[in-house]
N, C-alpha and C. Protein backbone atom coordinates (compact mmCIF):
# COMPACT_ATOMS: atom_id res chain seq x y z
N MET A 1 135.00 69.53 55.66
CA MET A 1 134.62 68.76 56.82
C MET A 1 133.41 67.91 56.44
N ASN A 2 133.46 66.68 56.80
CA ASN A 2 132.35 65.76 56.61
C ASN A 2 131.91 65.25 57.96
N GLU A 3 130.63 65.06 58.10
CA GLU A 3 130.11 64.60 59.38
C GLU A 3 128.79 63.86 59.14
N VAL A 4 128.62 62.76 59.84
CA VAL A 4 127.36 62.03 59.78
C VAL A 4 126.57 62.37 61.03
N VAL A 5 125.32 62.76 60.81
CA VAL A 5 124.45 63.17 61.93
C VAL A 5 123.14 62.41 61.81
N GLU A 6 122.65 61.95 62.92
CA GLU A 6 121.35 61.27 62.93
C GLU A 6 120.28 62.26 62.49
N PRO A 7 119.29 61.82 61.73
CA PRO A 7 118.25 62.73 61.22
C PRO A 7 117.60 63.61 62.29
N GLU A 8 117.37 63.05 63.46
CA GLU A 8 116.71 63.82 64.51
C GLU A 8 117.63 64.89 65.12
N ASN A 9 118.94 64.80 64.87
CA ASN A 9 119.90 65.79 65.38
C ASN A 9 120.37 66.78 64.33
N LEU A 10 119.87 66.62 63.10
CA LEU A 10 120.37 67.43 61.99
C LEU A 10 120.14 68.93 62.20
N SER A 11 118.95 69.33 62.56
CA SER A 11 118.65 70.76 62.74
C SER A 11 119.52 71.38 63.82
N THR A 12 119.71 70.67 64.91
CA THR A 12 120.53 71.18 66.00
C THR A 12 121.98 71.34 65.54
N ARG A 13 122.50 70.36 64.79
CA ARG A 13 123.88 70.43 64.33
C ARG A 13 124.07 71.54 63.30
N VAL A 14 123.10 71.70 62.40
CA VAL A 14 123.16 72.78 61.41
C VAL A 14 123.20 74.13 62.13
N GLN A 15 122.36 74.29 63.14
CA GLN A 15 122.34 75.54 63.90
C GLN A 15 123.68 75.80 64.57
N ALA A 16 124.28 74.77 65.15
CA ALA A 16 125.57 74.93 65.83
C ALA A 16 126.66 75.33 64.84
N LEU A 17 126.66 74.71 63.66
CA LEU A 17 127.66 75.06 62.64
C LEU A 17 127.44 76.48 62.12
N ALA A 18 126.19 76.87 61.95
CA ALA A 18 125.88 78.24 61.49
C ALA A 18 126.37 79.25 62.52
N GLU A 19 126.21 78.96 63.79
CA GLU A 19 126.68 79.87 64.84
C GLU A 19 128.20 79.98 64.83
N LEU A 20 128.89 78.88 64.56
CA LEU A 20 130.35 78.93 64.45
C LEU A 20 130.77 79.84 63.31
N LEU A 21 130.10 79.72 62.17
CA LEU A 21 130.42 80.57 61.03
C LEU A 21 130.13 82.03 61.32
N LEU A 22 129.01 82.30 61.96
CA LEU A 22 128.63 83.68 62.27
C LEU A 22 129.59 84.34 63.27
N ALA A 23 130.31 83.55 64.03
CA ALA A 23 131.25 84.10 65.01
C ALA A 23 132.56 84.56 64.37
N ASN A 24 132.76 84.24 63.09
CA ASN A 24 134.01 84.57 62.40
C ASN A 24 133.88 85.84 61.57
N SER A 25 135.00 86.34 61.15
CA SER A 25 135.07 87.58 60.38
C SER A 25 134.34 87.46 59.04
N PRO A 26 133.36 88.32 58.77
CA PRO A 26 132.69 88.31 57.48
C PRO A 26 133.66 88.59 56.33
N THR A 27 134.63 89.46 56.56
CA THR A 27 135.61 89.78 55.52
C THR A 27 136.40 88.53 55.13
N SER A 28 136.87 87.80 56.13
CA SER A 28 137.64 86.58 55.86
C SER A 28 136.79 85.51 55.19
N GLN A 29 135.55 85.39 55.63
CA GLN A 29 134.68 84.37 55.03
C GLN A 29 134.40 84.68 53.56
N SER A 30 134.19 85.95 53.24
CA SER A 30 133.97 86.33 51.83
C SER A 30 135.19 86.02 50.98
N ALA A 31 136.37 86.36 51.50
CA ALA A 31 137.60 86.08 50.77
C ALA A 31 137.80 84.59 50.58
N THR A 32 137.50 83.81 51.61
CA THR A 32 137.64 82.36 51.51
C THR A 32 136.69 81.78 50.48
N LYS A 33 135.45 82.25 50.45
CA LYS A 33 134.48 81.78 49.46
C LYS A 33 134.95 82.08 48.03
N ARG A 34 135.45 83.30 47.81
CA ARG A 34 135.95 83.66 46.48
C ARG A 34 137.12 82.77 46.09
N LEU A 35 138.04 82.56 47.01
CA LEU A 35 139.22 81.75 46.75
C LEU A 35 138.83 80.30 46.45
N MET A 36 137.92 79.74 47.21
CA MET A 36 137.50 78.36 46.99
C MET A 36 136.78 78.21 45.65
N ALA A 37 135.99 79.19 45.29
CA ALA A 37 135.28 79.14 44.00
C ALA A 37 136.28 79.18 42.84
N ALA A 38 137.36 79.94 43.01
CA ALA A 38 138.36 80.07 41.95
C ALA A 38 139.25 78.84 41.84
N GLN A 39 139.38 78.07 42.90
CA GLN A 39 140.30 76.93 42.91
C GLN A 39 139.99 75.90 41.83
N ASN A 40 138.73 75.72 41.52
CA ASN A 40 138.34 74.73 40.52
C ASN A 40 138.86 75.07 39.14
N LYS A 41 139.22 76.32 38.92
CA LYS A 41 139.62 76.77 37.60
C LYS A 41 141.13 76.99 37.48
N LEU A 42 141.88 76.78 38.56
CA LEU A 42 143.29 77.13 38.56
C LEU A 42 144.20 75.91 38.65
N TRP A 43 145.36 76.02 38.06
CA TRP A 43 146.41 75.02 38.24
C TRP A 43 147.02 75.25 39.61
N LEU A 44 147.78 74.30 40.12
CA LEU A 44 148.31 74.38 41.48
C LEU A 44 149.13 75.65 41.70
N ASP A 45 150.05 75.96 40.80
CA ASP A 45 150.88 77.16 40.98
C ASP A 45 150.02 78.42 41.06
N SER A 46 149.04 78.50 40.18
CA SER A 46 148.15 79.67 40.18
C SER A 46 147.29 79.70 41.44
N ALA A 47 146.83 78.52 41.87
CA ALA A 47 146.00 78.45 43.07
C ALA A 47 146.80 78.88 44.30
N LEU A 48 148.04 78.44 44.41
CA LEU A 48 148.88 78.84 45.55
C LEU A 48 149.16 80.33 45.52
N ALA A 49 149.41 80.87 44.35
CA ALA A 49 149.65 82.31 44.22
C ALA A 49 148.41 83.09 44.64
N ALA A 50 147.23 82.62 44.22
CA ALA A 50 145.98 83.29 44.59
C ALA A 50 145.76 83.21 46.10
N ALA A 51 146.08 82.08 46.71
CA ALA A 51 145.92 81.93 48.15
C ALA A 51 146.86 82.87 48.90
N MET A 52 148.09 82.98 48.44
CA MET A 52 149.05 83.88 49.09
C MET A 52 148.61 85.34 48.95
N GLN A 53 148.08 85.69 47.79
CA GLN A 53 147.59 87.06 47.58
C GLN A 53 146.40 87.35 48.49
N ALA A 54 145.46 86.41 48.59
CA ALA A 54 144.29 86.60 49.45
C ALA A 54 144.72 86.72 50.91
N ASN A 55 145.71 85.94 51.32
CA ASN A 55 146.21 86.01 52.68
C ASN A 55 146.82 87.38 52.96
N ALA A 56 147.63 87.86 52.02
CA ALA A 56 148.26 89.18 52.19
C ALA A 56 147.20 90.27 52.26
N GLU A 57 146.19 90.20 51.40
CA GLU A 57 145.14 91.21 51.39
C GLU A 57 144.34 91.19 52.69
N SER A 58 144.09 90.00 53.24
CA SER A 58 143.30 89.89 54.46
C SER A 58 144.02 90.55 55.64
N ARG A 59 145.34 90.58 55.59
CA ARG A 59 146.12 91.17 56.68
C ARG A 59 146.05 92.70 56.67
N GLU A 60 145.43 93.27 55.65
CA GLU A 60 145.29 94.72 55.55
C GLU A 60 143.91 95.20 56.01
N THR A 61 143.05 94.28 56.46
CA THR A 61 141.67 94.62 56.76
C THR A 61 141.47 95.00 58.24
N ALA A 62 140.38 95.71 58.46
CA ALA A 62 140.00 96.06 59.84
C ALA A 62 139.68 94.79 60.63
N ASP A 63 139.09 93.80 59.98
CA ASP A 63 138.77 92.56 60.68
C ASP A 63 140.03 91.85 61.16
N PHE A 64 141.09 91.89 60.38
CA PHE A 64 142.35 91.27 60.80
C PHE A 64 142.87 91.97 62.05
N ARG A 65 142.90 93.30 62.01
CA ARG A 65 143.39 94.06 63.17
C ARG A 65 142.53 93.78 64.40
N GLU A 66 141.21 93.72 64.21
CA GLU A 66 140.30 93.44 65.32
C GLU A 66 140.53 92.03 65.85
N GLY A 67 140.73 91.07 64.97
CA GLY A 67 140.97 89.69 65.41
C GLY A 67 142.23 89.57 66.25
N VAL A 68 143.29 90.22 65.81
CA VAL A 68 144.55 90.18 66.57
C VAL A 68 144.37 90.88 67.92
N ALA A 69 143.74 92.06 67.90
CA ALA A 69 143.51 92.79 69.14
C ALA A 69 142.66 91.98 70.12
N ALA A 70 141.60 91.37 69.62
CA ALA A 70 140.73 90.57 70.48
C ALA A 70 141.48 89.39 71.07
N PHE A 71 142.32 88.74 70.27
CA PHE A 71 143.11 87.62 70.76
C PHE A 71 144.05 88.08 71.87
N LEU A 72 144.75 89.16 71.62
CA LEU A 72 145.71 89.66 72.61
C LEU A 72 145.03 90.15 73.89
N GLU A 73 143.82 90.70 73.73
CA GLU A 73 143.07 91.20 74.88
C GLU A 73 142.17 90.14 75.50
N LYS A 74 142.23 88.91 74.96
CA LYS A 74 141.45 87.78 75.48
C LYS A 74 139.96 88.09 75.56
N ARG A 75 139.42 88.56 74.42
CA ARG A 75 138.00 88.88 74.35
C ARG A 75 137.47 88.41 72.99
N LYS A 76 136.16 88.39 72.88
CA LYS A 76 135.56 88.04 71.59
C LYS A 76 135.71 89.22 70.63
N PRO A 77 135.97 88.95 69.35
CA PRO A 77 136.12 90.05 68.40
C PRO A 77 134.78 90.67 68.06
N ALA A 78 134.81 91.95 67.73
CA ALA A 78 133.64 92.69 67.27
C ALA A 78 133.85 92.94 65.78
N TRP A 79 133.40 92.01 64.95
CA TRP A 79 133.62 92.09 63.51
C TRP A 79 132.83 93.22 62.87
N THR A 80 133.35 93.77 61.80
CA THR A 80 132.60 94.75 61.01
C THR A 80 131.54 94.00 60.22
N LYS A 81 130.45 94.63 59.99
CA LYS A 81 129.35 93.99 59.23
C LYS A 81 129.29 94.51 57.83
């Protein structure tokens, strides 16, 4: 994501983006960071295979189950820390 922000609004926008990130699953964010870091070193086929593996692994986590439950129960998720 790219965004242009006026200098006087930068701190406010950074805070808003940080809050969005903090509202998401720490487990998923860690997996995404690892996957993105590895992408620079992989060919497309390997990168897609790694993405599919990471997706499958994420579906086995407590955060995944909590996310689905929270969605179905129409509430905010309580992520593990």
